[in-house]
Amino acid sequence: MPGPAPEEIGYRPYSGSSRGYRASLAGLVARGHTFVVVEDGEVVFKTDIGSLALGCAQLQGVWVAPHLRGHGHAVPMLAAVLEQVMAGDAPLVSLYVNDFNAAARATYERLGFRQVGEFSTVLL
């Protein structure tokens, strides 16, 4: 399997313990907080609601299959997620993105997201 794209974190989310990762995903699925598009048996899009409180959902892990990136698939798939989330308990949706991920930032801007702040994450 090829390595991560330069705009991604640099390691698989299940590195070290697939059991922990699977348990986390199972919890998200059970709460209806995972959105996946499968085409011909292949996951081509995925995102999760990482946090939901006070009418705001924060998306995390927005992902498009590498061979489909740059072909305009992210906007309609993420738009469908936003429509569903905003029609439910969260009329406000937020997310964060790496400042150097120009493709993702352009996608989010096309969907109406705007930058309201900055923060840094320290990985230990």
PDB file of N, CA and C in Angstrom:
ATOM      1  N   MET A   1       0.854  -1.182   0.000  1.00  0.00           N
ATOM      2  CA  MET A   1       0.000   0.000   0.000  1.00  0.00           C
ATOM      3  C   MET A   1       0.890   1.232   0.000  1.00  0.00           C
ATOM      4  N   PRO A   2       0.599   2.222  -0.845  1.00  0.00           N
ATOM      5  CA  PRO A   2       1.423   3.423  -0.898  1.00  0.00           C
ATOM      6  C   PRO A   2       1.339   4.192   0.410  1.00  0.00           C
ATOM      7  N   GLY A   3       2.338   4.997   0.650  1.00  0.00           N
ATOM      8  CA  GLY A   3       2.368   5.824   1.857  1.00  0.00           C
ATOM      9  C   GLY A   3       1.332   6.928   1.800  1.00  0.00           C
ATOM     10  N   PRO A   4       1.188   7.664   2.892  1.00  0.00           N
ATOM     11  CA  PRO A   4       0.189   8.733   2.945  1.00  0.00           C
ATOM     12  C   PRO A   4       0.570   9.886   2.032  1.00  0.00           C
ATOM     13  N   ALA A   5      -0.436  10.607   1.604  1.00  0.00           N
ATOM     14  CA  ALA A   5      -0.199  11.818   0.833  1.00  0.00           C
ATOM     15  C   ALA A   5       0.471  12.836   1.749  1.00  0.00           C
ATOM     16  N   PRO A   6       1.251  13.769   1.204  1.00  0.00           N
ATOM     17  CA  PRO A   6       1.982  14.719   2.044  1.00  0.00           C
ATOM     18  C   PRO A   6       1.074  15.571   2.927  1.00  0.00           C
ATOM     19  N   GLU A   7      -0.182  15.763   2.522  1.00  0.00           N
ATOM     20  CA  GLU A   7      -1.079  16.596   3.319  1.00  0.00           C
ATOM     21  C   GLU A   7      -1.719  15.834   4.476  1.00  0.00           C
ATOM     22  N   GLU A   8      -1.472  14.541   4.563  1.00  0.00           N
ATOM     23  CA  GLU A   8      -2.057  13.742   5.635  1.00  0.00           C
ATOM     24  C   GLU A   8      -1.082  13.622   6.793  1.00  0.00           C
ATOM     25  N   ILE A   9      -1.540  13.055   7.881  1.00  0.00           N
ATOM     26  CA  ILE A   9      -0.783  13.039   9.125  1.00  0.00           C
ATOM     27  C   ILE A   9       0.493  12.203   9.052  1.00  0.00           C
ATOM     28  N   GLY A  10       0.553  11.217   8.182  1.00  0.00           N
ATOM     29  CA  GLY A  10       1.789  10.484   8.006  1.00  0.00           C
ATOM     30  C   GLY A  10       1.792   9.068   8.530  1.00  0.00           C
ATOM     31  N   TYR A  11       0.700   8.617   9.137  1.00  0.00           N
ATOM     32  CA  TYR A  11       0.609   7.226   9.570  1.00  0.00           C
ATOM     33  C   TYR A  11      -0.845   6.802   9.553  1.00  0.00           C
ATOM     34  N   ARG A  12      -1.055   5.506   9.463  1.00  0.00           N
ATOM     35  CA  ARG A  12      -2.418   4.985   9.456  1.00  0.00           C
ATOM     36  C   ARG A  12      -3.050   5.206  10.831  1.00  0.00           C
ATOM     37  N   PRO A  13      -4.330   5.536  10.894  1.00  0.00           N
ATOM     38  CA  PRO A  13      -4.965   5.813  12.186  1.00  0.00           C
ATOM     39  C   PRO A  13      -5.011   4.601  13.100  1.00  0.00           C
ATOM     40  N   TYR A  14      -4.876   3.413  12.551  1.00  0.00           N
ATOM     41  CA  TYR A  14      -4.942   2.211  13.364  1.00  0.00           C
ATOM     42  C   TYR A  14      -3.558   1.662  13.687  1.00  0.00           C
ATOM     43  N   SER A  15      -2.512   2.437  13.432  1.00  0.00           N
ATOM     44  CA  SER A  15      -1.165   1.972  13.748  1.00  0.00           C
ATOM     45  C   SER A  15      -1.069   1.612  15.219  1.00  0.00           C
ATOM     46  N   GLY A  16      -0.531   0.459  15.486  1.00  0.00           N
ATOM     47  CA  GLY A  16      -0.342   0.023  16.862  1.00  0.00           C
ATOM     48  C   GLY A  16      -1.439  -0.878  17.359  1.00  0.00           C
ATOM     49  N   SER A  17      -2.694  -0.519  17.146  1.00  0.00           N
ATOM     50  CA  SER A  17      -3.793  -1.324  17.675  1.00  0.00           C
ATOM     51  C   SER A  17      -5.010  -1.230  16.774  1.00  0.00           C
ATOM     52  N   SER A  18      -5.201  -2.237  15.955  1.00  0.00           N
ATOM     53  CA  SER A  18      -6.399  -2.217  15.122  1.00  0.00           C
ATOM     54  C   SER A  18      -7.644  -2.436  15.973  1.00  0.00           C
ATOM     55  N   ARG A  19      -7.504  -3.116  17.115  1.00  0.00           N
ATOM     56  CA  ARG A  19      -8.656  -3.348  17.996  1.00  0.00           C
ATOM     57  C   ARG A  19      -9.199  -2.021  18.538  1.00  0.00           C
ATOM     58  N   GLY A  20      -8.319  -1.150  18.998  1.00  0.00           N
ATOM     59  CA  GLY A  20      -8.752   0.147  19.505  1.00  0.00           C
ATOM     60  C   GLY A  20      -9.396   1.001  18.433  1.00  0.00           C
ATOM     61  N   TYR A  21      -8.806   0.968  17.255  1.00  0.00           N
ATOM     62  CA  TYR A  21      -9.352   1.733  16.135  1.00  0.00           C
ATOM     63  C   TYR A  21     -10.729   1.205  15.749  1.00  0.00           C
ATOM     64  N   ARG A  22     -10.861  -0.108  15.681  1.00  0.00           N
ATOM     65  CA  ARG A  22     -12.148  -0.717  15.335  1.00  0.00           C
ATOM     66  C   ARG A  22     -13.210  -0.401  16.383  1.00  0.00           C
ATOM     67  N   ALA A  23     -12.836  -0.415  17.656  1.00  0.00           N
ATOM     68  CA  ALA A  23     -13.785  -0.095  18.729  1.00  0.00           C
ATOM     69  C   ALA A  23     -14.247   1.358  18.611  1.00  0.00           C
ATOM     70  N   SER A  24     -13.312   2.242  18.306  1.00  0.00           N
ATOM     71  CA  SER A  24     -13.660   3.653  18.134  1.00  0.00           C
ATOM     72  C   SER A  24     -14.620   3.834  16.965  1.00  0.00           C
ATOM     73  N   LEU A  25     -14.334   3.176  15.844  1.00  0.00           N
ATOM     74  CA  LEU A  25     -15.227   3.252  14.682  1.00  0.00           C
ATOM     75  C   LEU A  25     -16.597   2.662  14.985  1.00  0.00           C
ATOM     76  N   ALA A  26     -16.615   1.557  15.705  1.00  0.00           N
ATOM     77  CA  ALA A  26     -17.896   0.932  16.047  1.00  0.00           C
ATOM     78  C   ALA A  26     -18.757   1.891  16.858  1.00  0.00           C
ATOM     79  N   GLY A  27     -18.152   2.626  17.770  1.00  0.00           N
ATOM     80  CA  GLY A  27     -18.893   3.611  18.556  1.00  0.00           C
ATOM     81  C   GLY A  27     -19.456   4.722  17.689  1.00  0.00           C
ATOM     82  N   LEU A  28     -18.648   5.216  16.746  1.00  0.00           N
ATOM     83  CA  LEU A  28     -19.116   6.262  15.833  1.00  0.00           C
ATOM     84  C   LEU A  28     -20.272   5.765  14.972  1.00  0.00           C
ATOM     85  N   VAL A  29     -20.143   4.550  14.467  1.00  0.00           N
ATOM     86  CA  VAL A  29     -21.193   3.970  13.628  1.00  0.00           C
ATOM     87  C   VAL A  29     -22.473   3.797  14.434  1.00  0.00           C
ATOM     88  N   ALA A  30     -22.349   3.286  15.661  1.00  0.00           N
ATOM     89  CA  ALA A  30     -23.523   3.049  16.511  1.00  0.00           C
ATOM     90  C   ALA A  30     -24.289   4.351  16.782  1.00  0.00           C
ATOM     91  N   ARG A  31     -23.566   5.470  16.870  1.00  0.00           N
ATOM     92  CA  ARG A  31     -24.209   6.771  17.115  1.00  0.00           C
ATOM     93  C   ARG A  31     -24.653   7.453  15.828  1.00  0.00           C
ATOM     94  N   GLY A  32     -24.381   6.828  14.678  1.00  0.00           N
ATOM     95  CA  GLY A  32     -24.721   7.456  13.400  1.00  0.00           C
ATOM     96  C   GLY A  32     -23.793   8.603  13.062  1.00  0.00           C
ATOM     97  N   HIS A  33     -22.559   8.543  13.553  1.00  0.00           N
ATOM     98  CA  HIS A  33     -21.607   9.636  13.365  1.00  0.00           C
ATOM     99  C   HIS A  33     -20.547   9.345  12.314  1.00  0.00           C
ATOM    100  N   THR A  34     -20.712   8.310  11.537  1.00  0.00           N
ATOM    101  CA  THR A  34     -19.782   7.994  10.456  1.00  0.00           C
ATOM    102  C   THR A  34     -20.546   7.990   9.141  1.00  0.00           C
ATOM    103  N   PHE A  35     -19.948   8.615   8.151  1.00  0.00           N
ATOM    104  CA  PHE A  35     -20.543   8.708   6.824  1.00  0.00           C
ATOM    105  C   PHE A  35     -19.549   8.130   5.826  1.00  0.00           C
ATOM    106  N   VAL A  36     -19.997   7.161   5.051  1.00  0.00           N
ATOM    107  CA  VAL A  36     -19.119   6.452   4.137  1.00  0.00           C
ATOM    108  C   VAL A  36     -19.811   6.315   2.787  1.00  0.00           C
ATOM    109  N   VAL A  37     -19.047   6.486   1.711  1.00  0.00           N
ATOM    110  CA  VAL A  37     -19.528   6.206   0.373  1.00  0.00           C
ATOM    111  C   VAL A  37     -18.724   5.012  -0.131  1.00  0.00           C
ATOM    112  N   VAL A  38     -19.455   3.974  -0.541  1.00  0.00           N
ATOM    113  CA  VAL A  38     -18.826   2.766  -1.072  1.00  0.00           C
ATOM    114  C   VAL A  38     -19.281   2.608  -2.515  1.00  0.00           C
ATOM    115  N   GLU A  39     -18.327   2.444  -3.416  1.00  0.00           N
ATOM    116  CA  GLU A  39     -18.627   2.210  -4.831  1.00  0.00           C
ATOM    117  C   GLU A  39     -17.916   0.936  -5.265  1.00  0.00           C
ATOM    118  N   ASP A  40     -18.653   0.020  -5.814  1.00  0.00           N
ATOM    119  CA  ASP A  40     -18.094  -1.259  -6.279  1.00  0.00           C
ATOM    120  C   ASP A  40     -17.286  -1.951  -5.185  1.00  0.00           C
ATOM    121  N   GLY A  41     -17.788  -1.912  -3.956  1.00  0.00           N
ATOM    122  CA  GLY A  41     -17.142  -2.582  -2.844  1.00  0.00           C
ATOM    123  C   GLY A  41     -15.935  -1.860  -2.264  1.00  0.00           C
ATOM    124  N   GLU A  42     -15.655  -0.649  -2.734  1.00  0.00           N
ATOM    125  CA  GLU A  42     -14.491   0.114  -2.273  1.00  0.00           C
ATOM    126  C   GLU A  42     -14.957   1.373  -1.546  1.00  0.00           C
ATOM    127  N   VAL A  43     -14.376   1.644  -0.386  1.00  0.00           N
ATOM    128  CA  VAL A  43     -14.647   2.897   0.315  1.00  0.00           C
ATOM    129  C   VAL A  43     -13.950   4.003  -0.469  1.00  0.00           C
ATOM    130  N   VAL A  44     -14.732   4.980  -0.917  1.00  0.00           N
ATOM    131  CA  VAL A  44     -14.163   6.080  -1.702  1.00  0.00           C
ATOM    132  C   VAL A  44     -14.253   7.418  -0.971  1.00  0.00           C
ATOM    133  N   PHE A  45     -15.031   7.449   0.109  1.00  0.00           N
ATOM    134  CA  PHE A  45     -15.182   8.678   0.903  1.00  0.00           C
ATOM    135  C   PHE A  45     -15.562   8.295   2.317  1.00  0.00           C
ATOM    136  N   LYS A  46     -15.031   9.048   3.290  1.00  0.00           N
ATOM    137  CA  LYS A  46     -15.389   8.813   4.680  1.00  0.00           C
ATOM    138  C   LYS A  46     -15.160  10.077   5.477  1.00  0.00           C
ATOM    139  N   THR A  47     -16.044  10.336   6.426  1.00  0.00           N
ATOM    140  CA  THR A  47     -15.835  11.359   7.434  1.00  0.00           C
ATOM    141  C   THR A  47     -16.636  10.979   8.668  1.00  0.00           C
ATOM    142  N   ASP A  48     -16.272  11.556   9.801  1.00  0.00           N
ATOM    143  CA  ASP A  48     -16.939  11.274  11.065  1.00  0.00           C
ATOM    144  C   ASP A  48     -17.320  12.570  11.757  1.00  0.00           C
ATOM    145  N   ILE A  49     -18.353  12.493  12.577  1.00  0.00           N
ATOM    146  CA  ILE A  49     -18.622  13.568  13.517  1.00  0.00           C
ATOM    147  C   ILE A  49     -17.799  13.223  14.752  1.00  0.00           C
ATOM    148  N   GLY A  50     -16.777  14.011  15.008  1.00  0.00           N
ATOM    149  CA  GLY A  50     -15.911  13.755  16.145  1.00  0.00           C
ATOM    150  C   GLY A  50     -16.467  14.315  17.439  1.00  0.00           C
ATOM    151  N   SER A  51     -17.273  15.352  17.322  1.00  0.00           N
ATOM    152  CA  SER A  51     -17.855  16.001  18.488  1.00  0.00           C
ATOM    153  C   SER A  51     -19.208  16.572  18.085  1.00  0.00           C
ATOM    154  N   LEU A  52     -20.173  16.458  18.974  1.00  0.00           N
ATOM    155  CA  LEU A  52     -21.511  16.994  18.725  1.00  0.00           C
ATOM    156  C   LEU A  52     -22.053  17.526  20.036  1.00  0.00           C
ATOM    157  N   ALA A  53     -22.228  18.855  20.101  1.00  0.00           N
ATOM    158  CA  ALA A  53     -22.738  19.474  21.318  1.00  0.00           C
ATOM    159  C   ALA A  53     -23.279  20.861  21.010  1.00  0.00           C
ATOM    160  N   LEU A  54     -24.308  21.238  21.720  1.00  0.00           N
ATOM    161  CA  LEU A  54     -24.864  22.587  21.655  1.00  0.00           C
ATOM    162  C   LEU A  54     -25.172  23.037  20.225  1.00  0.00           C
ATOM    163  N   GLY A  55     -25.656  22.122  19.402  1.00  0.00           N
ATOM    164  CA  GLY A  55     -26.048  22.452  18.043  1.00  0.00           C
ATOM    165  C   GLY A  55     -24.903  22.580  17.061  1.00  0.00           C
ATOM    166  N   CYS A  56     -23.718  22.133  17.439  1.00  0.00           N
ATOM    167  CA  CYS A  56     -22.562  22.197  16.544  1.00  0.00           C
ATOM    168  C   CYS A  56     -21.920  20.821  16.432  1.00  0.00           C
ATOM    169  N   ALA A  57     -21.647  20.410  15.200  1.00  0.00           N
ATOM    170  CA  ALA A  57     -20.923  19.167  14.937  1.00  0.00           C
ATOM    171  C   ALA A  57     -19.549  19.522  14.393  1.00  0.00           C
ATOM    172  N   GLN A  58     -18.540  18.815  14.877  1.00  0.00           N
ATOM    173  CA  GLN A  58     -17.210  18.997  14.306  1.00  0.00           C
ATOM    174  C   GLN A  58     -16.850  17.748  13.521  1.00  0.00           C
ATOM    175  N   LEU A  59     -16.594  17.933  12.229  1.00  0.00           N
ATOM    176  CA  LEU A  59     -16.196  16.812  11.386  1.00  0.00           C
ATOM    177  C   LEU A  59     -14.710  16.520  11.591  1.00  0.00           C
ATOM    178  N   GLN A  60     -14.382  15.257  11.440  1.00  0.00           N
ATOM    179  CA  GLN A  60     -12.978  14.849  11.505  1.00  0.00           C
ATOM    180  C   GLN A  60     -12.743  13.764  10.467  1.00  0.00           C
ATOM    181  N   GLY A  61     -11.509  13.608  10.090  1.00  0.00           N
ATOM    182  CA  GLY A  61     -11.133  12.512   9.198  1.00  0.00           C
ATOM    183  C   GLY A  61     -11.796  12.539   7.842  1.00  0.00           C
ATOM    184  N   VAL A  62     -11.984  13.716   7.265  1.00  0.00           N
ATOM    185  CA  VAL A  62     -12.549  13.787   5.921  1.00  0.00           C
ATOM    186  C   VAL A  62     -11.526  13.152   4.972  1.00  0.00           C
ATOM    187  N   TRP A  63     -11.969  12.152   4.218  1.00  0.00           N
ATOM    188  CA  TRP A  63     -11.034  11.380   3.397  1.00  0.00           C
ATOM    189  C   TRP A  63     -11.678  10.995   2.080  1.00  0.00           C
ATOM    190  N   VAL A  64     -10.908  11.124   1.005  1.00  0.00           N
ATOM    191  CA  VAL A  64     -11.297  10.668  -0.327  1.00  0.00           C
ATOM    192  C   VAL A  64     -10.203   9.714  -0.804  1.00  0.00           C
ATOM    193  N   ALA A  65     -10.602   8.618  -1.422  1.00  0.00           N
ATOM    194  CA  ALA A  65      -9.631   7.651  -1.928  1.00  0.00           C
ATOM    195  C   ALA A  65      -8.595   8.376  -2.795  1.00  0.00           C
ATOM    196  N   PRO A  66      -7.326   8.076  -2.590  1.00  0.00           N
ATOM    197  CA  PRO A  66      -6.271   8.804  -3.314  1.00  0.00           C
ATOM    198  C   PRO A  66      -6.449   8.836  -4.833  1.00  0.00           C
ATOM    199  N   HIS A  67      -6.912   7.757  -5.446  1.00  0.00           N
ATOM    200  CA  HIS A  67      -7.037   7.754  -6.905  1.00  0.00           C
ATOM    201  C   HIS A  67      -8.196   8.618  -7.404  1.00  0.00           C
ATOM    202  N   LEU A  68      -9.048   9.106  -6.492  1.00  0.00           N
ATOM    203  CA  LEU A  68     -10.172   9.967  -6.887  1.00  0.00           C
ATOM    204  C   LEU A  68      -9.932  11.436  -6.549  1.00  0.00           C
ATOM    205  N   ARG A  69      -8.872  11.719  -5.845  1.00  0.00           N
ATOM    206  CA  ARG A  69      -8.598  13.104  -5.459  1.00  0.00           C
ATOM    207  C   ARG A  69      -8.308  13.950  -6.688  1.00  0.00           C
ATOM    208  N   GLY A  70      -8.778  15.189  -6.627  1.00  0.00           N
ATOM    209  CA  GLY A  70      -8.549  16.121  -7.720  1.00  0.00           C
ATOM    210  C   GLY A  70      -9.519  15.980  -8.879  1.00  0.00           C
ATOM    211  N   HIS A  71     -10.554  15.166  -8.692  1.00  0.00           N
ATOM    212  CA  HIS A  71     -11.521  14.936  -9.770  1.00  0.00           C
ATOM    213  C   HIS A  71     -12.910  15.480  -9.429  1.00  0.00           C
ATOM    214  N   GLY A  72     -13.019  16.284  -8.378  1.00  0.00           N
ATOM    215  CA  GLY A  72     -14.285  16.923  -8.043  1.00  0.00           C
ATOM    216  C   GLY A  72     -15.269  16.074  -7.258  1.00  0.00           C
ATOM    217  N   HIS A  73     -14.813  14.974  -6.667  1.00  0.00           N
ATOM    218  CA  HIS A  73     -15.727  14.102  -5.924  1.00  0.00           C
ATOM    219  C   HIS A  73     -16.005  14.585  -4.500  1.00  0.00           C
ATOM    220  N   ALA A  74     -15.056  15.240  -3.885  1.00  0.00           N
ATOM    221  CA  ALA A  74     -15.187  15.609  -2.477  1.00  0.00           C
ATOM    222  C   ALA A  74     -16.351  16.564  -2.224  1.00  0.00           C
ATOM    223  N   VAL A  75     -16.522  17.557  -3.079  1.00  0.00           N
ATOM    224  CA  VAL A  75     -17.561  18.567  -2.837  1.00  0.00           C
ATOM    225  C   VAL A  75     -18.957  17.951  -2.775  1.00  0.00           C
ATOM    226  N   PRO A  76     -19.406  17.175  -3.759  1.00  0.00           N
ATOM    227  CA  PRO A  76     -20.762  16.633  -3.652  1.00  0.00           C
ATOM    228  C   PRO A  76     -20.923  15.622  -2.515  1.00  0.00           C
ATOM    229  N   MET A  77     -19.882  14.832  -2.238  1.00  0.00           N
ATOM    230  CA  MET A  77     -20.012  13.853  -1.150  1.00  0.00           C
ATOM    231  C   MET A  77     -20.075  14.549   0.202  1.00  0.00           C
ATOM    232  N   LEU A  78     -19.208  15.540   0.412  1.00  0.00           N
ATOM    233  CA  LEU A  78     -19.231  16.250   1.681  1.00  0.00           C
ATOM    234  C   LEU A  78     -20.483  17.121   1.789  1.00  0.00           C
ATOM    235  N   ALA A  79     -20.963  17.664   0.681  1.00  0.00           N
ATOM    236  CA  ALA A  79     -22.203  18.450   0.699  1.00  0.00           C
ATOM    237  C   ALA A  79     -23.371  17.596   1.178  1.00  0.00           C
ATOM    238  N   ALA A  80     -23.420  16.339   0.754  1.00  0.00           N
ATOM    239  CA  ALA A  80     -24.490  15.443   1.197  1.00  0.00           C
ATOM    240  C   ALA A  80     -24.401  15.197   2.704  1.00  0.00           C
ATOM    241  N   VAL A  81     -23.192  15.049   3.221  1.00  0.00           N
ATOM    242  CA  VAL A  81     -23.015  14.877   4.667  1.00  0.00           C
ATOM    243  C   VAL A  81     -23.478  16.131   5.394  1.00  0.00           C
ATOM    244  N   LEU A  82     -23.045  17.288   4.933  1.00  0.00           N
ATOM    245  CA  LEU A  82     -23.424  18.549   5.577  1.00  0.00           C
ATOM    246  C   LEU A  82     -24.934  18.721   5.602  1.00  0.00           C
ATOM    247  N   GLU A  83     -25.583  18.415   4.503  1.00  0.00           N
ATOM    248  CA  GLU A  83     -27.042  18.531   4.433  1.00  0.00           C
ATOM    249  C   GLU A  83     -27.700  17.657   5.496  1.00  0.00           C
ATOM    250  N   GLN A  84     -27.238  16.434   5.622  1.00  0.00           N
ATOM    251  CA  GLN A  84     -27.820  15.507   6.596  1.00  0.00           C
ATOM    252  C   GLN A  84     -27.537  15.947   8.030  1.00  0.00           C
ATOM    253  N   VAL A  85     -26.311  16.338   8.315  1.00  0.00           N
ATOM    254  CA  VAL A  85     -25.940  16.746   9.668  1.00  0.00           C
ATOM    255  C   VAL A  85     -26.692  18.015  10.068  1.00  0.00           C
ATOM    256  N   MET A  86     -26.740  18.988   9.164  1.00  0.00           N
ATOM    257  CA  MET A  86     -27.370  20.265   9.482  1.00  0.00           C
ATOM    258  C   MET A  86     -28.888  20.164   9.577  1.00  0.00           C
ATOM    259  N   ALA A  87     -29.483  19.154   8.967  1.00  0.00           N
ATOM    260  CA  ALA A  87     -30.927  18.942   9.084  1.00  0.00           C
ATOM    261  C   ALA A  87     -31.272  18.250  10.399  1.00  0.00           C
ATOM    262  N   GLY A  88     -30.274  17.742  11.089  1.00  0.00           N
ATOM    263  CA  GLY A  88     -30.485  17.039  12.353  1.00  0.00           C
ATOM    264  C   GLY A  88     -30.202  17.939  13.540  1.00  0.00           C
ATOM    265  N   ASP A  89     -29.349  17.462  14.414  1.00  0.00           N
ATOM    266  CA  ASP A  89     -29.080  18.150  15.681  1.00  0.00           C
ATOM    267  C   ASP A  89     -28.039  19.256  15.599  1.00  0.00           C
ATOM    268  N   ALA A  90     -27.457  19.491  14.426  1.00  0.00           N
ATOM    269  CA  ALA A  90     -26.336  20.430  14.352  1.00  0.00           C
ATOM    270  C   ALA A  90     -26.461  21.376  13.164  1.00  0.00           C
ATOM    271  N   PRO A  91     -27.166  22.479  13.336  1.00  0.00           N
ATOM    272  CA  PRO A  91     -27.257  23.435  12.239  1.00  0.00           C
ATOM    273  C   PRO A  91     -25.926  24.140  11.948  1.00  0.00           C
ATOM    274  N   LEU A  92     -24.949  23.953  12.816  1.00  0.00           N
ATOM    275  CA  LEU A  92     -23.626  24.540  12.630  1.00  0.00           C
ATOM    276  C   LEU A  92     -22.607  23.402  12.558  1.00  0.00           C
ATOM    277  N   VAL A  93     -21.743  23.440  11.547  1.00  0.00           N
ATOM    278  CA  VAL A  93     -20.722  22.408  11.371  1.00  0.00           C
ATOM    279  C   VAL A  93     -19.361  23.081  11.279  1.00  0.00           C
ATOM    280  N   SER A  94     -18.401  22.518  11.998  1.00  0.00           N
ATOM    281  CA  SER A  94     -17.036  23.028  11.945  1.00  0.00           C
ATOM    282  C   SER A  94     -16.083  21.886  11.624  1.00  0.00           C
ATOM    283  N   LEU A  95     -14.871  22.247  11.292  1.00  0.00           N
ATOM    284  CA  LEU A  95     -13.797  21.281  11.099  1.00  0.00           C
ATOM    285  C   LEU A  95     -12.492  22.037  11.179  1.00  0.00           C
ATOM    286  N   TYR A  96     -11.414  21.301  11.222  1.00  0.00           N
ATOM    287  CA  TYR A  96     -10.121  21.945  11.110  1.00  0.00           C
ATOM    288  C   TYR A  96      -9.328  21.247  10.026  1.00  0.00           C
ATOM    289  N   VAL A  97      -8.389  21.993   9.461  1.00  0.00           N
ATOM    290  CA  VAL A  97      -7.613  21.504   8.329  1.00  0.00           C
ATOM    291  C   VAL A  97      -6.201  22.053   8.453  1.00  0.00           C
ATOM    292  N   ASN A  98      -5.233  21.268   8.007  1.00  0.00           N
ATOM    293  CA  ASN A  98      -3.858  21.744   8.004  1.00  0.00           C
ATOM    294  C   ASN A  98      -3.730  22.923   7.050  1.00  0.00           C
ATOM    295  N   ASP A  99      -3.001  23.942   7.472  1.00  0.00           N
ATOM    296  CA  ASP A  99      -2.878  25.148   6.660  1.00  0.00           C
ATOM    297  C   ASP A  99      -2.218  24.883   5.313  1.00  0.00           C
ATOM    298  N   PHE A 100      -1.418  23.836   5.212  1.00  0.00           N
ATOM    299  CA  PHE A 100      -0.728  23.529   3.962  1.00  0.00           C
ATOM    300  C   PHE A 100      -1.534  22.627   3.033  1.00  0.00           C
ATOM    301  N   ASN A 101      -2.726  22.206   3.443  1.00  0.00           N
ATOM    302  CA  ASN A 101      -3.545  21.314   2.625  1.00  0.00           C
ATOM    303  C   ASN A 101      -4.454  22.160   1.717  1.00  0.00           C
ATOM    304  N   ALA A 102      -3.850  22.676   0.665  1.00  0.00           N
ATOM    305  CA  ALA A 102      -4.557  23.603  -0.235  1.00  0.00           C
ATOM    306  C   ALA A 102      -5.784  22.973  -0.882  1.00  0.00           C
ATOM    307  N   ALA A 103      -5.691  21.711  -1.254  1.00  0.00           N
ATOM    308  CA  ALA A 103      -6.832  21.058  -1.914  1.00  0.00           C
ATOM    309  C   ALA A 103      -8.027  20.971  -0.970  1.00  0.00           C
ATOM    310  N   ALA A 104      -7.791  20.564   0.254  1.00  0.00           N
ATOM    311  CA  ALA A 104      -8.883  20.465   1.231  1.00  0.00           C
ATOM    312  C   ALA A 104      -9.452  21.844   1.537  1.00  0.00           C
ATOM    313  N   ARG A 105      -8.589  22.815   1.722  1.00  0.00           N
ATOM    314  CA  ARG A 105      -9.057  24.174   2.023  1.00  0.00           C
ATOM    315  C   ARG A 105      -9.937  24.704   0.893  1.00  0.00           C
ATOM    316  N   ALA A 106      -9.562  24.440  -0.349  1.00  0.00           N
ATOM    317  CA  ALA A 106     -10.377  24.881  -1.488  1.00  0.00           C
ATOM    318  C   ALA A 106     -11.726  24.179  -1.491  1.00  0.00           C
ATOM    319  N   THR A 107     -11.734  22.898  -1.180  1.00  0.00           N
ATOM    320  CA  THR A 107     -12.988  22.139  -1.100  1.00  0.00           C
ATOM    321  C   THR A 107     -13.900  22.741  -0.043  1.00  0.00           C
ATOM    322  N   TYR A 108     -13.353  22.979   1.136  1.00  0.00           N
ATOM    323  CA  TYR A 108     -14.167  23.520   2.230  1.00  0.00           C
ATOM    324  C   TYR A 108     -14.685  24.914   1.905  1.00  0.00           C
ATOM    325  N   GLU A 109     -13.875  25.732   1.275  1.00  0.00           N
ATOM    326  CA  GLU A 109     -14.324  27.067   0.876  1.00  0.00           C
ATOM    327  C   GLU A 109     -15.469  26.979  -0.134  1.00  0.00           C
ATOM    328  N   ARG A 110     -15.391  26.041  -1.069  1.00  0.00           N
ATOM    329  CA  ARG A 110     -16.473  25.864  -2.054  1.00  0.00           C
ATOM    330  C   ARG A 110     -17.783  25.485  -1.369  1.00  0.00           C
ATOM    331  N   LEU A 111     -17.687  24.851  -0.204  1.00  0.00           N
ATOM    332  CA  LEU A 111     -18.879  24.434   0.529  1.00  0.00           C
ATOM    333  C   LEU A 111     -19.353  25.487   1.531  1.00  0.00           C
ATOM    334  N   GLY A 112     -18.679  26.629   1.571  1.00  0.00           N
ATOM    335  CA  GLY A 112     -19.127  27.724   2.434  1.00  0.00           C
ATOM    336  C   GLY A 112     -18.421  27.842   3.771  1.00  0.00           C
ATOM    337  N   PHE A 113     -17.446  26.981   4.029  1.00  0.00           N
ATOM    338  CA  PHE A 113     -16.680  27.116   5.266  1.00  0.00           C
ATOM    339  C   PHE A 113     -15.812  28.358   5.176  1.00  0.00           C
ATOM    340  N   ARG A 114     -15.560  28.968   6.328  1.00  0.00           N
ATOM    341  CA  ARG A 114     -14.650  30.101   6.385  1.00  0.00           C
ATOM    342  C   ARG A 114     -13.753  29.938   7.600  1.00  0.00           C
ATOM    343  N   GLN A 115     -12.553  30.441   7.494  1.00  0.00           N
ATOM    344  CA  GLN A 115     -11.600  30.334   8.597  1.00  0.00           C
ATOM    345  C   GLN A 115     -11.966  31.318   9.690  1.00  0.00           C
ATOM    346  N   VAL A 116     -12.018  30.824  10.926  1.00  0.00           N
ATOM    347  CA  VAL A 116     -12.335  31.704  12.052  1.00  0.00           C
ATOM    348  C   VAL A 116     -11.227  31.722  13.103  1.00  0.00           C
ATOM    349  N   GLY A 117     -10.192  30.929  12.926  1.00  0.00           N
ATOM    350  CA  GLY A 117      -9.097  30.929  13.876  1.00  0.00           C
ATOM    351  C   GLY A 117      -8.006  29.967  13.463  1.00  0.00           C
ATOM    352  N   GLU A 118      -6.981  29.885  14.305  1.00  0.00           N
ATOM    353  CA  GLU A 118      -5.871  28.983  14.078  1.00  0.00           C
ATOM    354  C   GLU A 118      -5.496  28.328  15.396  1.00  0.00           C
ATOM    355  N   PHE A 119      -4.977  27.103  15.306  1.00  0.00           N
ATOM    356  CA  PHE A 119      -4.402  26.456  16.478  1.00  0.00           C
ATOM    357  C   PHE A 119      -3.357  25.467  16.029  1.00  0.00           C
ATOM    358  N   SER A 120      -2.575  25.009  16.981  1.00  0.00           N
ATOM    359  CA  SER A 120      -1.521  24.043  16.679  1.00  0.00           C
ATOM    360  C   SER A 120      -1.760  22.768  17.460  1.00  0.00           C
ATOM    361  N   THR A 121      -1.407  21.667  16.833  1.00  0.00           N
ATOM    362  CA  THR A 121      -1.489  20.359  17.477  1.00  0.00           C
ATOM    363  C   THR A 121      -0.075  19.858  17.665  1.00  0.00           C
ATOM    364  N   VAL A 122       0.219  19.347  18.840  1.00  0.00           N
ATOM    365  CA  VAL A 122       1.527  18.782  19.126  1.00  0.00           C
ATOM    366  C   VAL A 122       1.349  17.282  19.279  1.00  0.00           C
ATOM    367  N   LEU A 123       2.037  16.518  18.438  1.00  0.00           N
ATOM    368  CA  LEU A 123       1.983  15.056  18.512  1.00  0.00           C
ATOM    369  C   LEU A 123       3.185  14.568  19.288  1.00  0.00           C
ATOM    370  N   LEU A 124       2.936  13.789  20.302  1.00  0.00           N
ATOM    371  CA  LEU A 124       4.031  13.234  21.107  1.00  0.00           C
ATOM    372  C   LEU A 124       4.271  11.794  20.778  1.00  0.00           C
TER     373      LEU A 124
END
